[in-house]
Protein backbone atom coordinates (compact mmCIF):
# COMPACT_ATOMS: atom_id res chain seq x y z
CA MET A 1 45.03 70.00 70.24
CA ARG A 2 42.90 67.45 68.46
CA CYS A 3 39.77 66.35 70.31
CA ALA A 4 38.79 62.69 70.26
CA ASN A 5 35.08 63.41 70.51
CA SER A 6 34.02 59.95 69.41
CA LEU A 7 36.15 58.18 72.02
CA TRP A 8 35.03 60.58 74.75
CA SER A 9 31.43 59.89 73.80
CA VAL A 10 32.04 56.15 74.09
CA LEU A 11 33.48 56.70 77.55
CA GLY A 12 30.60 58.96 78.57
CA ILE A 13 32.90 61.96 79.03
CA THR A 14 31.84 65.44 77.98
CA LEU A 15 34.12 67.73 76.01
CA SER A 16 34.28 70.30 78.80
CA ALA A 17 35.22 67.66 81.36
CA ALA A 18 37.85 66.13 79.09
CA LEU A 19 39.54 69.49 78.65
CA GLY A 20 40.13 69.92 82.38
CA GLY A 21 43.44 71.35 83.61
CA LEU A 22 46.62 69.41 84.22
CA ASN A 23 49.38 70.20 86.70
CA SER A 24 52.48 71.71 85.14
CA GLY A 25 55.88 69.99 85.19
CA SER A 26 58.04 70.05 88.30
CA ALA A 27 60.84 68.12 89.96
CA GLU A 28 58.14 66.29 91.89
CA ALA A 29 56.40 65.31 88.66
CA GLU A 30 59.71 64.16 87.15
CA GLU A 31 59.98 61.58 89.90
CA GLY A 32 56.56 60.25 88.88
CA ARG A 33 55.13 61.58 92.16
CA SER A 34 52.13 63.67 93.03
CA GLN A 35 49.58 64.03 95.79
CA LEU A 36 47.73 60.87 94.77
CA GLY A 37 50.11 58.82 92.63
CA ALA A 38 53.67 57.53 92.43
CA LEU A 39 55.40 54.89 90.39
CA VAL A 40 56.34 51.87 92.49
CA ALA A 41 60.06 51.21 92.26
CA SER A 42 61.57 47.76 92.48
CA PRO A 43 63.27 47.28 95.87
CA GLU A 44 66.16 45.52 94.13
CA PRO A 45 69.43 47.42 93.59
CA GLY A 46 70.83 48.02 90.13
CA TRP A 47 68.76 47.89 86.92
CA PRO A 48 66.62 44.86 87.79
CA GLN A 49 63.90 45.12 85.16
CA TRP A 50 62.77 46.58 81.84
CA ARG A 51 63.38 50.37 81.59
CA GLY A 52 64.89 50.52 85.08
CA PRO A 53 63.76 50.39 88.71
CA ARG A 54 60.52 52.34 87.99
CA ARG A 55 60.06 51.21 84.37
CA ASP A 56 60.17 54.85 83.28
CA GLY A 57 63.39 54.96 81.25
CA ILE A 58 64.97 57.27 83.85
CA SER A 59 68.44 56.64 85.25
CA ARG A 60 69.45 58.48 88.44
CA GLU A 61 73.13 58.39 87.42
CA THR A 62 75.17 61.60 87.68
CA GLY A 63 78.75 62.57 86.86
CA LEU A 64 78.53 61.22 83.30
CA LEU A 65 80.53 62.41 80.32
CA PRO A 66 79.05 65.69 79.02
CA SER A 67 80.15 64.85 75.47
CA TRP A 68 81.80 62.00 73.57
CA PRO A 69 84.73 61.59 71.19
CA GLU A 70 83.82 61.09 67.55
CA ALA A 71 84.11 57.31 67.93
CA GLY A 72 82.00 57.32 71.08
CA PRO A 73 82.81 56.76 74.77
CA PRO A 74 85.64 54.36 75.68
CA VAL A 75 84.70 50.71 75.18
CA LEU A 76 85.23 48.59 78.29
CA TRP A 77 84.27 45.26 76.78
CA GLU A 78 82.20 43.50 74.15
CA ALA A 79 80.35 40.20 74.42
CA THR A 80 79.19 38.15 71.43
CA GLY A 81 77.32 34.92 70.82
CA LEU A 82 74.11 36.23 72.41
CA GLY A 83 71.77 35.20 69.60
CA LYS A 84 69.17 37.17 67.73
CA GLY A 85 67.04 39.43 69.85
CA PHE A 86 65.64 42.83 70.72
CA SER A 87 65.58 42.54 74.52
CA SER A 88 67.61 44.87 76.73
CA PRO A 89 69.95 43.70 79.48
CA ILE A 90 69.15 43.92 83.17
CA LEU A 91 71.74 44.11 85.96
CA ALA A 92 71.37 42.82 89.51
CA GLU A 93 73.62 41.53 92.28
CA GLY A 94 76.80 41.63 90.21
CA SER A 95 75.43 39.90 87.13
CA LEU A 96 73.94 40.88 83.78
CA TYR A 97 71.06 38.94 82.22
CA LEU A 98 70.02 38.98 78.58
CA THR A 99 67.98 36.85 76.16
CA GLY A 100 68.50 35.82 72.55
CA ASP A 101 67.24 33.20 70.12
CA VAL A 102 69.82 30.53 69.21
CA ALA A 103 69.29 27.36 67.17
CA GLY A 104 65.51 27.34 67.60
CA GLU A 105 65.55 28.10 71.33
CA CYS A 106 64.99 31.22 73.39
CA ARG A 107 68.16 31.38 75.46
CA VAL A 108 68.70 33.23 78.75
CA PHE A 109 72.32 34.34 79.28
CA ALA A 110 74.08 35.37 82.49
CA LEU A 111 77.31 37.38 82.27
CA ASP A 112 79.57 38.90 84.89
CA LEU A 113 80.23 42.64 84.88
CA ASP A 114 83.29 42.15 82.69
CA GLY A 115 81.16 40.54 79.99
CA LYS A 116 82.34 36.99 80.70
CA PRO A 117 79.74 34.20 80.42
CA LYS A 118 78.48 32.58 83.62
CA TRP A 119 75.71 30.33 82.31
CA GLN A 120 72.99 30.02 79.71
CA THR A 121 69.74 28.09 79.64
CA SER A 122 66.60 27.65 77.56
CA ASN A 123 63.18 29.19 78.00
CA GLY A 124 61.32 27.27 75.32
CA GLU A 125 61.10 27.82 71.59
CA ALA A 126 62.44 30.76 69.62
CA TRP A 127 60.21 33.14 67.66
CA THR A 128 60.68 32.16 64.02
CA THR A 129 58.14 34.25 62.08
CA ASN A 130 57.78 38.05 61.87
CA HIS A 131 60.98 39.82 62.98
CA GLN A 132 62.77 36.79 64.41
CA GLY A 133 64.45 37.19 67.78
CA ALA A 134 63.88 37.21 71.54
CA ARG A 135 61.59 40.00 72.69
CA SER A 136 61.27 40.29 76.45
CA SER A 137 63.82 41.37 79.03
CA CYS A 138 64.34 39.40 82.23
CA THR A 139 63.18 40.57 85.66
CA TYR A 140 65.14 40.05 88.89
CA ALA A 141 63.22 39.98 92.18
CA GLY A 142 63.59 38.33 95.56
CA GLY A 143 66.65 36.33 94.62
CA ARG A 144 65.03 34.84 91.51
CA LEU A 145 65.05 35.54 87.79
CA TYR A 146 61.87 35.62 85.66
CA HIS A 147 61.31 35.69 81.92
CA MET A 148 58.52 35.19 79.38
CA ASN A 149 59.28 34.03 75.84
CA ALA A 150 57.45 35.14 72.71
CA HIS A 151 54.98 32.23 73.02
CA GLY A 152 53.81 33.14 76.53
CA ARG A 153 55.99 30.66 78.43
CA VAL A 154 56.83 32.23 81.81
CA ALA A 155 59.73 30.66 83.68
CA CYS A 156 61.44 31.22 87.02
CA PHE A 157 65.19 30.55 87.30
CA ASP A 158 67.86 30.37 89.96
CA PRO A 159 69.96 33.43 89.00
CA ALA A 160 73.17 31.80 90.27
CA THR A 161 72.95 28.65 88.15
CA GLY A 162 70.19 29.09 85.56
CA LYS A 163 68.26 26.11 86.94
CA GLU A 164 64.57 26.31 86.04
CA LEU A 165 62.43 26.34 89.19
CA TRP A 166 58.95 26.49 87.62
CA THR A 167 57.24 27.31 84.35
CA VAL A 168 53.72 28.24 83.17
CA ASN A 169 52.36 28.47 79.65
CA THR A 170 50.16 31.48 80.28
CA LEU A 171 48.36 31.35 76.93
CA GLU A 172 47.23 27.78 77.63
CA ARG A 173 46.28 28.44 81.25
CA PHE A 174 44.25 31.57 80.52
CA ALA A 175 42.91 30.73 77.03
CA GLY A 176 44.94 33.35 75.21
CA GLU A 177 46.21 33.47 71.63
CA GLU A 178 49.56 34.44 70.20
CA ASN A 179 49.58 37.88 68.70
CA GLU A 180 51.02 38.55 65.25
CA TRP A 181 54.55 39.61 66.19
CA GLY A 182 55.11 37.52 69.33
CA LEU A 183 54.52 38.36 72.99
CA ALA A 184 57.02 41.01 74.10
CA GLU A 185 56.04 41.67 77.72
CA SER A 186 58.77 41.90 80.36
CA VAL A 187 56.93 40.57 83.41
CA LEU A 188 56.58 42.71 86.54
CA VAL A 189 57.20 41.24 89.99
CA ASP A 190 55.95 42.84 93.21
CA GLY A 191 54.90 41.61 96.62
CA GLY A 192 55.60 37.97 95.85
CA ARG A 193 53.53 38.01 92.66
CA VAL A 194 54.47 37.85 89.00
CA PHE A 195 52.14 39.96 86.86
CA VAL A 196 51.55 38.79 83.29
CA THR A 197 49.19 39.90 80.51
CA PRO A 198 48.11 36.85 78.45
CA GLY A 199 45.01 38.65 77.14
CA GLY A 200 42.99 35.44 77.39
CA LYS A 201 39.34 34.54 77.70
CA LEU A 202 40.06 33.37 81.25
CA GLY A 203 42.00 36.47 82.20
CA PHE A 204 43.32 39.55 80.47
CA MET A 205 45.91 40.23 83.18
CA THR A 206 46.98 37.70 85.80
CA ALA A 207 49.00 37.35 88.99
CA LEU A 208 51.12 34.26 89.61
CA ASP A 209 52.71 33.23 92.88
CA ALA A 210 56.40 34.14 92.51
CA LYS A 211 57.56 31.01 94.35
CA THR A 212 55.33 28.42 92.66
CA GLY A 213 53.75 29.86 89.52
CA GLU A 214 50.26 29.10 90.84
CA THR A 215 47.46 31.49 89.88
CA VAL A 216 46.64 34.13 92.52
CA TRP A 217 44.04 36.00 90.46
CA ALA A 218 42.92 36.55 86.87
CA SER A 219 41.23 39.76 85.75
CA GLU A 220 38.16 39.81 83.56
CA PRO A 221 38.81 39.55 79.81
CA VAL A 222 38.34 42.45 77.43
CA PRO A 223 34.85 42.56 75.83
CA ASP A 224 35.92 40.64 72.70
CA PRO A 225 39.13 38.65 73.37
CA ASP A 226 38.85 36.96 69.98
CA ASP A 227 39.35 40.36 68.35
CA GLU A 228 41.57 42.01 70.96
CA ARG A 229 44.55 40.01 72.12
CA THR A 230 47.35 41.14 74.41
CA GLY A 231 49.55 43.97 73.16
CA TYR A 232 53.35 44.11 72.97
CA ALA A 233 54.06 46.37 75.94
CA SER A 234 55.09 45.78 79.55
CA PRO A 235 53.03 46.88 82.56
CA ILE A 236 53.81 49.66 85.01
CA LEU A 237 52.87 49.67 88.69
CA VAL A 238 51.46 52.81 90.29
CA GLN A 239 50.62 53.55 93.92
CA PHE A 240 47.50 55.67 93.55
CA ASP A 241 44.98 56.80 96.17
CA GLU A 242 45.90 53.94 98.55
CA LYS A 243 45.76 51.33 95.78
CA ARG A 244 48.39 49.70 93.62
CA LEU A 245 47.36 49.88 89.98
CA LEU A 246 48.69 47.85 87.06
CA VAL A 247 48.51 49.54 83.66
CA ASN A 248 49.21 47.69 80.41
CA LEU A 249 48.00 47.42 76.82
CA SER A 250 45.84 45.17 74.75
CA GLU A 251 46.03 45.40 70.97
CA LYS A 252 43.38 48.15 71.08
CA SER A 253 43.18 49.53 74.63
CA VAL A 254 44.94 50.84 77.69
CA VAL A 255 43.77 48.71 80.64
CA CYS A 256 44.11 49.30 84.39
CA VAL A 257 43.49 46.71 87.10
CA ASP A 258 43.79 46.61 90.88
CA ALA A 259 47.09 44.84 91.61
CA ALA A 260 45.70 43.32 94.82
CA THR A 261 42.57 41.72 93.34
CA GLY A 262 42.75 41.88 89.54
CA LYS A 263 39.55 43.91 89.37
CA GLN A 264 39.46 45.97 86.16
CA LEU A 265 39.18 49.64 87.10
CA TRP A 266 39.14 51.26 83.66
CA ARG A 267 39.77 50.60 80.00
CA TYR A 268 40.46 53.28 77.38
CA LEU A 269 40.04 52.42 73.71
CA HIS A 270 43.01 53.62 71.62
CA PRO A 271 43.31 51.41 68.50
CA THR A 272 46.06 51.47 65.90
CA LYS A 273 45.95 50.49 62.24
CA TYR A 274 47.83 47.20 62.65
CA ASP A 275 46.91 46.41 66.28
CA ALA A 276 50.54 47.09 67.23
CA SER A 277 50.34 48.62 70.73
CA CYS A 278 54.00 48.44 71.74
CA ALA A 279 55.22 51.37 73.86
CA THR A 280 55.17 50.92 77.63
CA PRO A 281 52.81 53.47 79.24
CA VAL A 282 54.46 56.37 81.11
CA PHE A 283 53.09 57.66 84.42
CA TRP A 284 53.28 61.40 85.13
CA ASN A 285 51.55 63.63 87.66
CA ASP A 286 48.42 61.49 88.16
CA CYS A 287 48.34 60.74 84.43
CA VAL A 288 49.22 57.96 82.01
CA PHE A 289 50.84 58.89 78.71
CA HIS A 290 50.21 56.42 75.88
CA THR A 291 51.34 56.44 72.26
CA ASN A 292 50.57 54.12 69.35
CA PRO A 293 52.19 53.89 65.87
CA SER A 294 50.88 54.14 62.32
CA GLY A 295 49.24 57.52 62.77
CA ALA A 296 47.27 56.58 65.90
CA GLY A 297 49.07 59.26 67.87
CA CYS A 298 49.30 59.83 71.61
CA VAL A 299 46.99 60.63 74.50
CA MET A 300 47.45 61.88 78.06
CA LEU A 301 44.97 60.21 80.42
CA ARG A 302 44.26 61.53 83.90
CA ILE A 303 43.46 58.90 86.50
CA MET A 304 40.56 60.06 88.66
CA PRO A 305 39.68 58.68 92.10
CA ALA A 306 36.28 57.00 92.00
CA GLY A 307 35.04 55.36 95.15
CA ASP A 308 36.80 52.03 95.65
CA GLY A 309 38.43 52.13 92.23
CA ALA A 310 39.43 54.68 89.65
CA SER A 311 38.30 56.12 86.36
CA VAL A 312 40.17 57.90 83.59
CA LYS A 313 39.61 60.83 81.27
CA PRO A 314 41.66 62.14 78.33
CA ILE A 315 43.33 65.52 78.82
CA TRP A 316 44.82 65.99 75.35
CA GLU A 317 45.72 64.10 72.19
CA GLY A 318 48.62 64.59 69.79
CA GLY A 319 50.28 63.24 66.68
CA LEU A 320 53.36 61.61 68.23
CA ASP A 321 53.02 57.95 67.21
CA ASN A 322 55.88 56.00 68.75
CA ILE A 323 56.09 52.29 68.01
CA SER A 324 58.56 50.54 70.34
CA GLY A 325 61.16 53.12 71.39
CA GLY A 326 59.13 54.40 74.32
CA ALA A 327 59.03 57.87 75.83
CA VAL A 328 60.44 59.65 78.87
CA ILE A 329 58.91 62.58 80.73
CA VAL A 330 61.42 64.99 82.26
CA ASP A 331 60.57 68.28 84.01
CA GLY A 332 57.09 68.22 82.50
CA PHE A 333 58.13 67.50 78.90
CA VAL A 334 57.67 64.34 76.82
CA TYR A 335 60.61 63.20 74.68
CA SER A 336 60.08 60.47 72.11
CA ALA A 337 60.45 59.48 68.47
CA ALA A 338 57.47 59.32 66.14
CA HIS A 339 56.85 56.45 63.75
CA ASN A 340 57.37 57.25 60.07
CA ASN A 341 53.62 57.67 59.57
CA TYR A 342 53.75 60.99 61.43
CA LYS A 343 54.06 63.62 58.68
CA GLY A 344 55.31 60.85 56.43
CA ARG A 345 58.80 60.62 57.96
CA ASN A 346 60.81 59.74 61.05
CA ILE A 347 60.91 62.56 63.55
CA TRP A 348 61.94 63.14 67.17
CA MET A 349 59.66 65.34 69.23
CA CYS A 350 59.34 67.23 72.49
CA LEU A 351 55.84 67.88 73.84
CA ASP A 352 54.58 69.85 76.79
CA ALA A 353 53.19 67.12 79.07
CA GLY A 354 50.53 69.45 80.45
CA SER A 355 49.05 70.63 77.16
CA GLY A 356 50.39 68.41 74.37
CA ASP A 357 51.87 71.45 72.61
CA VAL A 358 54.79 70.57 70.33
CA LYS A 359 57.97 72.29 71.56
CA TRP A 360 60.29 71.00 68.82
CA GLU A 361 60.57 68.46 66.04
CA SER A 362 63.80 67.09 64.56
CA THR A 363 64.66 64.83 61.63
CA GLU A 364 68.38 64.63 62.48
CA LEU A 365 67.95 61.05 63.74
CA VAL A 366 65.74 58.23 62.54
CA GLN A 367 63.25 56.86 65.05
CA GLY A 368 64.56 54.90 68.00
CA SER A 369 64.54 54.35 71.76
CA VAL A 370 65.25 56.86 74.51
CA LEU A 371 66.73 56.86 78.01
CA TYR A 372 67.31 59.83 80.32
CA ALA A 373 70.26 60.39 82.67
CA ASP A 374 72.15 63.34 84.14
CA GLY A 375 70.33 66.05 82.19
CA ARG A 376 70.64 64.34 78.83
CA LEU A 377 68.75 62.00 76.54
CA TYR A 378 70.46 58.86 75.27
CA CYS A 379 68.83 58.18 71.92
CA LEU A 380 69.58 54.94 70.05
CA ALA A 381 68.27 55.28 66.51
CA GLU A 382 67.16 52.06 64.88
CA ASP A 383 69.86 52.42 62.20
CA GLY A 384 72.51 52.01 64.92
CA VAL A 385 73.44 55.66 65.55
CA MET A 386 73.76 56.53 69.24
CA ALA A 387 73.20 60.20 70.16
CA LEU A 388 73.59 62.32 73.28
CA VAL A 389 70.95 65.07 73.38
CA ARG A 390 70.43 67.79 75.97
CA ALA A 391 67.01 67.39 77.60
CA THR A 392 65.63 70.84 76.90
CA PRO A 393 62.33 71.99 75.38
CA GLU A 394 64.02 74.79 73.41
CA LYS A 395 65.52 72.68 70.62
CA CYS A 396 66.89 69.25 69.71
CA ASP A 397 70.45 69.92 70.86
CA ILE A 398 72.56 66.92 69.79
CA VAL A 399 75.83 67.12 71.72
CA SER A 400 77.53 63.99 70.37
CA ARG A 401 76.80 60.98 68.23
CA PHE A 402 78.57 57.88 66.95
CA GLU A 403 77.74 54.76 64.96
CA PHE A 404 77.28 51.88 67.38
CA VAL A 405 76.55 49.40 64.56
CA LYS A 406 75.37 49.44 60.97
CA ALA A 407 71.84 48.21 61.61
CA LYS A 408 69.10 47.30 59.16
CA ARG A 409 66.67 49.62 60.92
CA ASP A 410 66.22 47.04 63.68
CA ALA A 411 68.42 48.30 66.56
CA TRP A 412 65.44 48.10 68.90
CA ALA A 413 67.00 47.10 72.23
CA HIS A 414 66.83 50.04 74.63
CA PRO A 415 70.02 51.52 76.14
CA VAL A 416 70.84 50.86 79.80
CA ILE A 417 72.96 53.04 82.11
CA LEU A 418 74.20 51.86 85.50
CA ASP A 419 77.28 52.65 87.61
CA GLY A 420 78.74 54.96 84.99
CA ARG A 421 78.42 52.39 82.21
CA LEU A 422 76.33 52.44 79.04
CA TYR A 423 75.15 49.10 77.67
CA LEU A 424 74.09 48.81 74.02
CA ARG A 425 72.81 45.63 72.41
CA TYR A 426 72.34 44.73 68.77
CA HIS A 427 71.32 41.09 68.33
CA ASP A 428 74.44 38.97 68.86
CA VAL A 429 76.56 41.82 70.28
CA LEU A 430 76.48 43.57 73.66
CA ARG A 431 78.94 46.42 74.19
CA CYS A 432 79.77 48.21 77.43
CA TYR A 433 81.00 51.84 77.37
CA ASP A 434 82.61 53.92 80.12
CA LEU A 435 80.59 57.10 80.79
CA ASN A 436 82.36 58.24 83.96
CA ALA A 437 83.37 61.87 83.61
CA LYS A 438 86.20 61.34 86.13
């Protein structure tokens, strides 16, 4: 364990308090539940948003293939012409939605479940500088489709036709600035509100009316918004101690606000060398797990009840420095890939969520994104290799692997599993695989 004494001092937390105990892993913790806190799931069926119904990278699918042939699971279909992009598909009400940059525009595509096109429309300009391509996934809620492009343009669409119903340039409205690699937030919708993180001088995080796009509330800015813009992650929603909390990232901090009012409840400074805070926070057992790349490492933060709000204290820190592949927490263990600044190379890791102790490290795969389903990890390495790994803290047990594509270390779209199907995206191509063990 490495103690972040300087950060604790800034937060006014003593060493003895920061090293307080943490509940061990359990089936209850795996569900993101505890006495005080639980992730709020989308009420929509399917895979209606980024990283699934709870935004935790956990699929509740069972009866999936325990291993794969050398060439991978059977391919059901392949769709092409989807543009350049890193966003993952979502699935809702019999349709699949995906984004990609085509001919200078950010395009939103709707496909049926056989991969056939239904419609496509524009959500403003494409991202044409660092790492070109669409970033954010769509969100389906209340019979509408929502998306934010890399320039902060949030739009609401009719999911049946693609007709644009309203749009807001959130950077203009809330005096925000584009970050270096383009806004990558997949907006969260709950209770008739669309939550967005423009990181502006007039609001770090904001709530928009889901029907009209009008502003419901705007939270206070971070102390120096000129030096700390919005990050590249997507928020999570937690029911905690009778409040709903939104947790997301700036370039330098983890920030929590009250979802009802926008009041900032706590902010934890966790900077990274290049201000690249990318990985969506993970909620576990009254705690938020956060990891940053380029040697910044990871931290487990316990949310503490505090009167009408909440406070936070660090429980442990570690070296795992994921960049955009995210992490999952299963049975009290963290599974994720470290950025190549950790020990100077790519490495997959398993950590004890309660203590931060490293259970195993593996260099068999390059870094990538992770999804959990049916007792296994689905790891898509950024070079295009897809691996099936048993979710166990004993060792990195790779059951099967195959080459999805030959990627230039930019296969960054996360896998999706729904109804016995695995969806993998690499820029212009989306492929659907049959995982049904039957």
